[in-house]
Amino acid sequence: MGSGSGSNSIAAIDRSMVEQIVRQVALEYLGKGKPDAAPALAVQASSRHMHVCRADMDVLFGPGSELTLDRPLYQEGNFAAKETVTIVGPRNRLISNLRILGPLRKESQIELAYTDAIMLGFKDIPVRLSGDIEGTPGAIVIGPRGVVELKRGLIRAAIHVHMNPQEAAYFGVAKGDKMKLRIGGPAGLTFNNVHVRIDPASRLNVHMDTDEANACGLHLTDDIELFK
């Protein structure tokens, strides 16, 4: 009698342990799932352009004037405007039809590629992130309604990647870090100093200037990799 009871108890314990093990394995399997897929990456060449502040907008296009949408850009809320200006460099060299990008900024800024700077006669335009214009050269900007003499604001935009916090977590990077961007193809190369910019509203997007895009043959390949 005692022996039979013990046998039933052991069997019950065994079934309980088996069920617990099965549940644990199932939960672990479901919890792991598949590894998160790499977020979609867009790499784009950014042509020369201007960002304009309210005060300069009033001078260049008239008091109370507003930028008008030509086409939206990849980052939500940003757009290419229909408005353009002419920029005058040393020795009166100029570039006309310089596109303005919206929305309005706190301070005006012009982003050029190296070949643009040479064409205008500038020799010392620094490589900077957008907004970092302390100690940069200026230029004369001509609009349909007036002329602005910028005291500073000309930069070569540093190659950079926009991403949101979730994408930053995927790559294991923080704001201010630098990543690498490998471009494959017949003219492939690797950029070693891709600055990380993080914002909740951003989409994963690398910006390089037209010189950089032409040098690596960006338009010739889909073999692109962003990594830490």
C-alpha atoms as a PDB file:
ATOM      1  CA  MET A   1       0.000   0.000   0.000  1.00  0.00           C
ATOM      2  CA  GLY A   2       2.753   2.376   1.054  1.00  0.00           C
ATOM      3  CA  SER A   3       4.845   1.375  -1.956  1.00  0.00           C
ATOM      4  CA  GLY A   4       1.978   2.015  -4.375  1.00  0.00           C
ATOM      5  CA  SER A   5       1.297   5.460  -2.930  1.00  0.00           C
ATOM      6  CA  GLY A   6       4.942   6.415  -3.245  1.00  0.00           C
ATOM      7  CA  SER A   7       4.979   5.322  -6.880  1.00  0.00           C
ATOM      8  CA  ASN A   8       1.930   7.473  -7.678  1.00  0.00           C
ATOM      9  CA  SER A   9       3.565  10.435  -5.893  1.00  0.00           C
ATOM     10  CA  ILE A  10       6.759  10.031  -7.908  1.00  0.00           C
ATOM     11  CA  ALA A  11       4.758   9.814 -11.128  1.00  0.00           C
ATOM     12  CA  ALA A  12       2.840  12.969 -10.204  1.00  0.00           C
ATOM     13  CA  ILE A  13       6.072  14.818  -9.441  1.00  0.00           C
ATOM     14  CA  ASP A  14       7.567  13.638 -12.692  1.00  0.00           C
ATOM     15  CA  ARG A  15       4.569  14.899 -14.688  1.00  0.00           C
ATOM     16  CA  SER A  16       4.688  18.230 -12.851  1.00  0.00           C
ATOM     17  CA  MET A  17       8.398  18.654 -13.542  1.00  0.00           C
ATOM     18  CA  VAL A  18       7.947  17.739 -17.201  1.00  0.00           C
ATOM     19  CA  GLU A  19       5.118  20.236 -17.622  1.00  0.00           C
ATOM     20  CA  GLN A  20       7.203  22.959 -15.945  1.00  0.00           C
ATOM     21  CA  ILE A  21      10.168  22.228 -18.185  1.00  0.00           C
ATOM     22  CA  VAL A  22       7.978  22.280 -21.293  1.00  0.00           C
ATOM     23  CA  ARG A  23       6.458  25.620 -20.287  1.00  0.00           C
ATOM     24  CA  GLN A  24       9.906  27.101 -19.583  1.00  0.00           C
ATOM     25  CA  VAL A  25      11.325  25.944 -22.909  1.00  0.00           C
ATOM     26  CA  ALA A  26       8.277  27.275 -24.771  1.00  0.00           C
ATOM     27  CA  LEU A  27       8.488  30.652 -23.068  1.00  0.00           C
ATOM     28  CA  GLU A  28      12.208  30.934 -23.771  1.00  0.00           C
ATOM     29  CA  TYR A  29      11.634  30.048 -27.423  1.00  0.00           C
ATOM     30  CA  LEU A  30       8.836  32.551 -27.848  1.00  0.00           C
ATOM     31  CA  GLY A  31      10.749  35.223 -25.966  1.00  0.00           C
ATOM     32  CA  LYS A  32      13.801  34.955 -28.165  1.00  0.00           C
ATOM     33  CA  GLY A  33      11.988  35.181 -31.468  1.00  0.00           C
ATOM     34  CA  LYS A  34      13.968  36.192 -34.501  1.00  0.00           C
ATOM     35  CA  PRO A  35      16.747  38.806 -34.213  1.00  0.00           C
ATOM     36  CA  ASP A  36      15.548  42.312 -34.928  1.00  0.00           C
ATOM     37  CA  ALA A  37      15.913  43.098 -38.629  1.00  0.00           C
ATOM     38  CA  ALA A  38      18.337  45.851 -39.561  1.00  0.00           C
ATOM     39  CA  PRO A  39      16.489  49.146 -39.987  1.00  0.00           C
ATOM     40  CA  ALA A  40      16.142  50.439 -43.540  1.00  0.00           C
ATOM     41  CA  LEU A  41      18.988  52.805 -44.400  1.00  0.00           C
ATOM     42  CA  ALA A  42      18.811  55.648 -46.925  1.00  0.00           C
ATOM     43  CA  VAL A  43      22.073  57.239 -48.099  1.00  0.00           C
ATOM     44  CA  GLN A  44      21.723  60.483 -49.981  1.00  0.00           C
ATOM     45  CA  ALA A  45      23.887  63.135 -51.569  1.00  0.00           C
ATOM     46  CA  SER A  46      23.045  66.587 -50.286  1.00  0.00           C
ATOM     47  CA  SER A  47      23.536  69.312 -52.902  1.00  0.00           C
ATOM     48  CA  ARG A  48      24.666  72.807 -51.966  1.00  0.00           C
ATOM     49  CA  HIS A  49      21.927  74.759 -50.244  1.00  0.00           C
ATOM     50  CA  MET A  50      21.056  77.485 -47.766  1.00  0.00           C
ATOM     51  CA  HIS A  51      19.140  77.568 -44.488  1.00  0.00           C
ATOM     52  CA  VAL A  52      17.721  80.999 -43.745  1.00  0.00           C
ATOM     53  CA  CYS A  53      16.605  82.782 -40.586  1.00  0.00           C
ATOM     54  CA  ARG A  54      13.526  85.010 -40.222  1.00  0.00           C
ATOM     55  CA  ALA A  55      15.440  88.295 -40.345  1.00  0.00           C
ATOM     56  CA  ASP A  56      17.377  87.376 -43.494  1.00  0.00           C
ATOM     57  CA  MET A  57      14.230  85.972 -45.115  1.00  0.00           C
ATOM     58  CA  ASP A  58      12.574  89.366 -44.675  1.00  0.00           C
ATOM     59  CA  VAL A  59      15.476  91.123 -46.375  1.00  0.00           C
ATOM     60  CA  LEU A  60      15.957  88.644 -49.212  1.00  0.00           C
ATOM     61  CA  PHE A  61      12.296  88.022 -50.089  1.00  0.00           C
ATOM     62  CA  GLY A  62      10.384  90.827 -48.387  1.00  0.00           C
ATOM     63  CA  PRO A  63       8.929  91.433 -44.909  1.00  0.00           C
ATOM     64  CA  GLY A  64       6.673  88.613 -43.728  1.00  0.00           C
ATOM     65  CA  SER A  65       7.541  86.371 -46.679  1.00  0.00           C
ATOM     66  CA  GLU A  66       7.369  82.604 -46.206  1.00  0.00           C
ATOM     67  CA  LEU A  67       9.103  79.672 -47.831  1.00  0.00           C
ATOM     68  CA  THR A  68       6.944  77.778 -50.307  1.00  0.00           C
ATOM     69  CA  LEU A  69       7.124  74.001 -50.612  1.00  0.00           C
ATOM     70  CA  ASP A  70       8.743  72.601 -53.739  1.00  0.00           C
ATOM     71  CA  ARG A  71       9.192  69.020 -52.498  1.00  0.00           C
ATOM     72  CA  PRO A  72       9.422  67.269 -49.106  1.00  0.00           C
ATOM     73  CA  LEU A  73      12.750  65.839 -47.987  1.00  0.00           C
ATOM     74  CA  TYR A  74      13.412  62.440 -46.414  1.00  0.00           C
ATOM     75  CA  GLN A  75      13.348  63.748 -42.844  1.00  0.00           C
ATOM     76  CA  GLU A  76       9.807  64.652 -41.843  1.00  0.00           C
ATOM     77  CA  GLY A  77       9.151  68.392 -41.637  1.00  0.00           C
ATOM     78  CA  ASN A  78      12.079  69.333 -43.864  1.00  0.00           C
ATOM     79  CA  PHE A  79      11.589  70.465 -47.437  1.00  0.00           C
ATOM     80  CA  ALA A  80      13.200  72.021 -50.479  1.00  0.00           C
ATOM     81  CA  ALA A  81      11.659  75.421 -51.081  1.00  0.00           C
ATOM     82  CA  LYS A  82      10.929  77.071 -54.403  1.00  0.00           C
ATOM     83  CA  GLU A  83      12.934  80.093 -53.294  1.00  0.00           C
ATOM     84  CA  THR A  84      16.550  80.435 -54.461  1.00  0.00           C
ATOM     85  CA  VAL A  85      19.312  83.000 -53.956  1.00  0.00           C
ATOM     86  CA  THR A  86      22.656  83.959 -55.454  1.00  0.00           C
ATOM     87  CA  ILE A  87      25.804  83.698 -53.338  1.00  0.00           C
ATOM     88  CA  VAL A  88      28.806  85.900 -54.104  1.00  0.00           C
ATOM     89  CA  GLY A  89      32.294  84.842 -53.067  1.00  0.00           C
ATOM     90  CA  PRO A  90      35.729  86.445 -53.192  1.00  0.00           C
ATOM     91  CA  ARG A  91      36.642  88.274 -56.405  1.00  0.00           C
ATOM     92  CA  ASN A  92      32.918  88.465 -57.253  1.00  0.00           C
ATOM     93  CA  ARG A  93      32.591  84.808 -58.213  1.00  0.00           C
ATOM     94  CA  LEU A  94      29.042  83.611 -57.761  1.00  0.00           C
ATOM     95  CA  ILE A  95      26.656  80.671 -57.713  1.00  0.00           C
ATOM     96  CA  SER A  96      23.080  81.399 -58.730  1.00  0.00           C
ATOM     97  CA  ASN A  97      19.906  79.406 -58.052  1.00  0.00           C
ATOM     98  CA  LEU A  98      21.147  78.250 -54.649  1.00  0.00           C
ATOM     99  CA  ARG A  99      18.190  76.359 -53.192  1.00  0.00           C
ATOM    100  CA  ILE A 100      16.816  77.213 -49.765  1.00  0.00           C
ATOM    101  CA  LEU A 101      15.755  74.360 -47.495  1.00  0.00           C
ATOM    102  CA  GLY A 102      13.000  74.780 -44.921  1.00  0.00           C
ATOM    103  CA  PRO A 103      11.862  75.294 -42.294  1.00  0.00           C
ATOM    104  CA  LEU A 104      13.381  78.584 -41.157  1.00  0.00           C
ATOM    105  CA  ARG A 105      16.411  78.368 -38.853  1.00  0.00           C
ATOM    106  CA  LYS A 106      17.586  80.499 -35.938  1.00  0.00           C
ATOM    107  CA  GLU A 107      20.614  81.582 -37.971  1.00  0.00           C
ATOM    108  CA  SER A 108      21.335  81.502 -41.677  1.00  0.00           C
ATOM    109  CA  GLN A 109      23.821  78.952 -42.965  1.00  0.00           C
ATOM    110  CA  ILE A 110      25.134  77.829 -46.355  1.00  0.00           C
ATOM    111  CA  GLU A 111      26.383  74.288 -47.014  1.00  0.00           C
ATOM    112  CA  LEU A 112      28.763  73.761 -49.932  1.00  0.00           C
ATOM    113  CA  ALA A 113      30.816  70.922 -51.351  1.00  0.00           C
ATOM    114  CA  TYR A 114      34.576  71.458 -51.636  1.00  0.00           C
ATOM    115  CA  THR A 115      34.395  72.054 -55.396  1.00  0.00           C
ATOM    116  CA  ASP A 116      31.662  74.672 -54.812  1.00  0.00           C
ATOM    117  CA  ALA A 117      33.911  76.479 -52.351  1.00  0.00           C
ATOM    118  CA  ILE A 118      36.833  76.463 -54.787  1.00  0.00           C
ATOM    119  CA  MET A 119      34.620  77.755 -57.589  1.00  0.00           C
ATOM    120  CA  LEU A 120      33.542  80.670 -55.385  1.00  0.00           C
ATOM    121  CA  GLY A 121      37.140  81.447 -54.445  1.00  0.00           C
ATOM    122  CA  PHE A 122      37.059  80.235 -50.827  1.00  0.00           C
ATOM    123  CA  LYS A 123      40.057  78.317 -49.509  1.00  0.00           C
ATOM    124  CA  ASP A 124      39.259  77.841 -45.831  1.00  0.00           C
ATOM    125  CA  ILE A 125      35.664  76.656 -45.454  1.00  0.00           C
ATOM    126  CA  PRO A 126      35.740  74.204 -42.513  1.00  0.00           C
ATOM    127  CA  VAL A 127      34.036  70.813 -42.297  1.00  0.00           C
ATOM    128  CA  ARG A 128      31.320  71.184 -39.656  1.00  0.00           C
ATOM    129  CA  LEU A 129      28.042  69.689 -38.526  1.00  0.00           C
ATOM    130  CA  SER A 130      25.013  71.775 -39.385  1.00  0.00           C
ATOM    131  CA  GLY A 131      24.543  74.574 -36.859  1.00  0.00           C
ATOM    132  CA  ASP A 132      28.203  74.662 -35.809  1.00  0.00           C
ATOM    133  CA  ILE A 133      29.180  77.898 -37.534  1.00  0.00           C
ATOM    134  CA  GLU A 134      31.360  79.675 -34.971  1.00  0.00           C
ATOM    135  CA  GLY A 135      34.466  81.030 -36.687  1.00  0.00           C
ATOM    136  CA  THR A 136      33.281  80.224 -40.220  1.00  0.00           C
ATOM    137  CA  PRO A 137      33.515  82.621 -43.188  1.00  0.00           C
ATOM    138  CA  GLY A 138      30.571  84.567 -44.554  1.00  0.00           C
ATOM    139  CA  ALA A 139      29.427  85.713 -47.974  1.00  0.00           C
ATOM    140  CA  ILE A 140      27.103  88.091 -49.771  1.00  0.00           C
ATOM    141  CA  VAL A 141      23.670  86.624 -50.525  1.00  0.00           C
ATOM    142  CA  ILE A 142      21.375  88.220 -53.107  1.00  0.00           C
ATOM    143  CA  GLY A 143      17.628  87.643 -53.149  1.00  0.00           C
ATOM    144  CA  PRO A 144      14.850  89.097 -55.316  1.00  0.00           C
ATOM    145  CA  ARG A 145      14.072  91.826 -52.773  1.00  0.00           C
ATOM    146  CA  GLY A 146      17.378  92.566 -51.080  1.00  0.00           C
ATOM    147  CA  VAL A 147      20.979  91.691 -50.176  1.00  0.00           C
ATOM    148  CA  VAL A 148      22.337  90.136 -46.978  1.00  0.00           C
ATOM    149  CA  GLU A 149      25.988  90.123 -45.984  1.00  0.00           C
ATOM    150  CA  LEU A 150      26.530  87.052 -43.848  1.00  0.00           C
ATOM    151  CA  LYS A 151      29.325  87.502 -41.335  1.00  0.00           C
ATOM    152  CA  ARG A 152      29.573  83.734 -40.862  1.00  0.00           C
ATOM    153  CA  GLY A 153      27.773  80.556 -41.854  1.00  0.00           C
ATOM    154  CA  LEU A 154      29.615  78.915 -44.769  1.00  0.00           C
ATOM    155  CA  ILE A 155      30.530  75.274 -44.070  1.00  0.00           C
ATOM    156  CA  ARG A 156      31.293  72.008 -45.744  1.00  0.00           C
ATOM    157  CA  ALA A 157      28.769  69.728 -44.053  1.00  0.00           C
ATOM    158  CA  ALA A 158      30.409  66.793 -42.271  1.00  0.00           C
ATOM    159  CA  ILE A 159      29.078  63.411 -43.343  1.00  0.00           C
ATOM    160  CA  HIS A 160      26.515  62.334 -40.744  1.00  0.00           C
ATOM    161  CA  VAL A 161      23.723  59.890 -39.984  1.00  0.00           C
ATOM    162  CA  HIS A 162      20.296  60.780 -38.609  1.00  0.00           C
ATOM    163  CA  MET A 163      18.598  58.125 -36.483  1.00  0.00           C
ATOM    164  CA  ASN A 164      16.002  57.730 -33.749  1.00  0.00           C
ATOM    165  CA  PRO A 165      16.733  56.245 -30.302  1.00  0.00           C
ATOM    166  CA  GLN A 166      15.540  52.760 -31.318  1.00  0.00           C
ATOM    167  CA  GLU A 167      17.889  52.735 -34.308  1.00  0.00           C
ATOM    168  CA  ALA A 168      20.706  54.020 -32.111  1.00  0.00           C
ATOM    169  CA  ALA A 169      20.080  51.126 -29.710  1.00  0.00           C
ATOM    170  CA  TYR A 170      20.227  48.674 -32.607  1.00  0.00           C
ATOM    171  CA  PHE A 171      23.678  49.935 -33.615  1.00  0.00           C
ATOM    172  CA  GLY A 172      24.841  50.477 -30.030  1.00  0.00           C
ATOM    173  CA  VAL A 173      25.750  54.138 -30.539  1.00  0.00           C
ATOM    174  CA  ALA A 174      25.069  57.439 -28.794  1.00  0.00           C
ATOM    175  CA  LYS A 175      24.787  61.023 -29.960  1.00  0.00           C
ATOM    176  CA  GLY A 176      28.200  62.357 -30.918  1.00  0.00           C
ATOM    177  CA  ASP A 177      29.673  58.944 -31.725  1.00  0.00           C
ATOM    178  CA  LYS A 178      31.221  58.251 -35.109  1.00  0.00           C
ATOM    179  CA  MET A 179      30.397  55.304 -37.334  1.00  0.00           C
ATOM    180  CA  LYS A 180      31.750  53.838 -40.553  1.00  0.00           C
ATOM    181  CA  LEU A 181      29.930  53.730 -43.885  1.00  0.00           C
ATOM    182  CA  ARG A 182      31.136  51.234 -46.485  1.00  0.00           C
ATOM    183  CA  ILE A 183      30.140  51.889 -50.074  1.00  0.00           C
ATOM    184  CA  GLY A 184      30.768  48.945 -52.392  1.00  0.00           C
ATOM    185  CA  GLY A 185      30.859  48.895 -56.157  1.00  0.00           C
ATOM    186  CA  PRO A 186      33.541  49.755 -58.723  1.00  0.00           C
ATOM    187  CA  ALA A 187      34.533  53.015 -56.981  1.00  0.00           C
ATOM    188  CA  GLY A 188      33.801  51.801 -53.455  1.00  0.00           C
ATOM    189  CA  LEU A 189      35.355  53.249 -50.341  1.00  0.00           C
ATOM    190  CA  THR A 190      34.720  53.498 -46.592  1.00  0.00           C
ATOM    191  CA  PHE A 191      33.949  56.714 -44.720  1.00  0.00           C
ATOM    192  CA  ASN A 192      35.403  56.522 -41.195  1.00  0.00           C
ATOM    193  CA  ASN A 193      33.928  59.617 -39.523  1.00  0.00           C
ATOM    194  CA  VAL A 194      30.157  59.460 -39.924  1.00  0.00           C
ATOM    195  CA  HIS A 195      28.788  61.643 -37.113  1.00  0.00           C
ATOM    196  CA  VAL A 196      25.770  60.260 -35.216  1.00  0.00           C
ATOM    197  CA  ARG A 197      22.801  62.599 -34.735  1.00  0.00           C
ATOM    198  CA  ILE A 198      19.837  61.247 -32.732  1.00  0.00           C
ATOM    199  CA  ASP A 199      16.297  62.588 -32.602  1.00  0.00           C
ATOM    200  CA  PRO A 200      12.996  60.798 -31.866  1.00  0.00           C
ATOM    201  CA  ALA A 201      11.515  62.112 -35.130  1.00  0.00           C
ATOM    202  CA  SER A 202      14.440  61.034 -37.334  1.00  0.00           C
ATOM    203  CA  ARG A 203      14.576  58.248 -39.907  1.00  0.00           C
ATOM    204  CA  LEU A 204      17.811  56.344 -40.532  1.00  0.00           C
ATOM    205  CA  ASN A 205      19.507  58.456 -43.149  1.00  0.00           C
ATOM    206  CA  VAL A 206      23.117  59.271 -44.062  1.00  0.00           C
ATOM    207  CA  HIS A 207      23.881  62.631 -45.670  1.00  0.00           C
ATOM    208  CA  MET A 208      27.054  63.187 -47.649  1.00  0.00           C
ATOM    209  CA  ASP A 209      27.907  66.027 -50.013  1.00  0.00           C
ATOM    210  CA  THR A 210      28.039  65.714 -53.796  1.00  0.00           C
ATOM    211  CA  ASP A 211      31.846  65.457 -53.891  1.00  0.00           C
ATOM    212  CA  GLU A 212      31.755  62.495 -51.520  1.00  0.00           C
ATOM    213  CA  ALA A 213      28.914  60.837 -53.431  1.00  0.00           C
ATOM    214  CA  ASN A 214      30.721  61.207 -56.753  1.00  0.00           C
ATOM    215  CA  ALA A 215      34.014  59.934 -55.313  1.00  0.00           C
ATOM    216  CA  CYS A 216      32.466  56.656 -54.096  1.00  0.00           C
ATOM    217  CA  GLY A 217      30.075  56.192 -57.032  1.00  0.00           C
ATOM    218  CA  LEU A 218      27.063  56.209 -54.716  1.00  0.00           C
ATOM    219  CA  HIS A 219      24.632  56.132 -57.634  1.00  0.00           C
ATOM    220  CA  LEU A 220      26.267  52.990 -59.048  1.00  0.00           C
ATOM    221  CA  THR A 221      25.718  50.552 -56.180  1.00  0.00           C
ATOM    222  CA  ASP A 222      23.281  49.205 -53.603  1.00  0.00           C
ATOM    223  CA  ASP A 223      26.108  47.527 -51.680  1.00  0.00           C
ATOM    224  CA  ILE A 224      26.078  49.803 -48.625  1.00  0.00           C
ATOM    225  CA  GLU A 225      26.819  49.018 -44.978  1.00  0.00           C
ATOM    226  CA  LEU A 226      26.675  51.239 -41.878  1.00  0.00           C
ATOM    227  CA  PHE A 227      28.505  49.905 -38.835  1.00  0.00           C
ATOM    228  CA  LYS A 228      30.112  50.948 -35.560  1.00  0.00           C
END
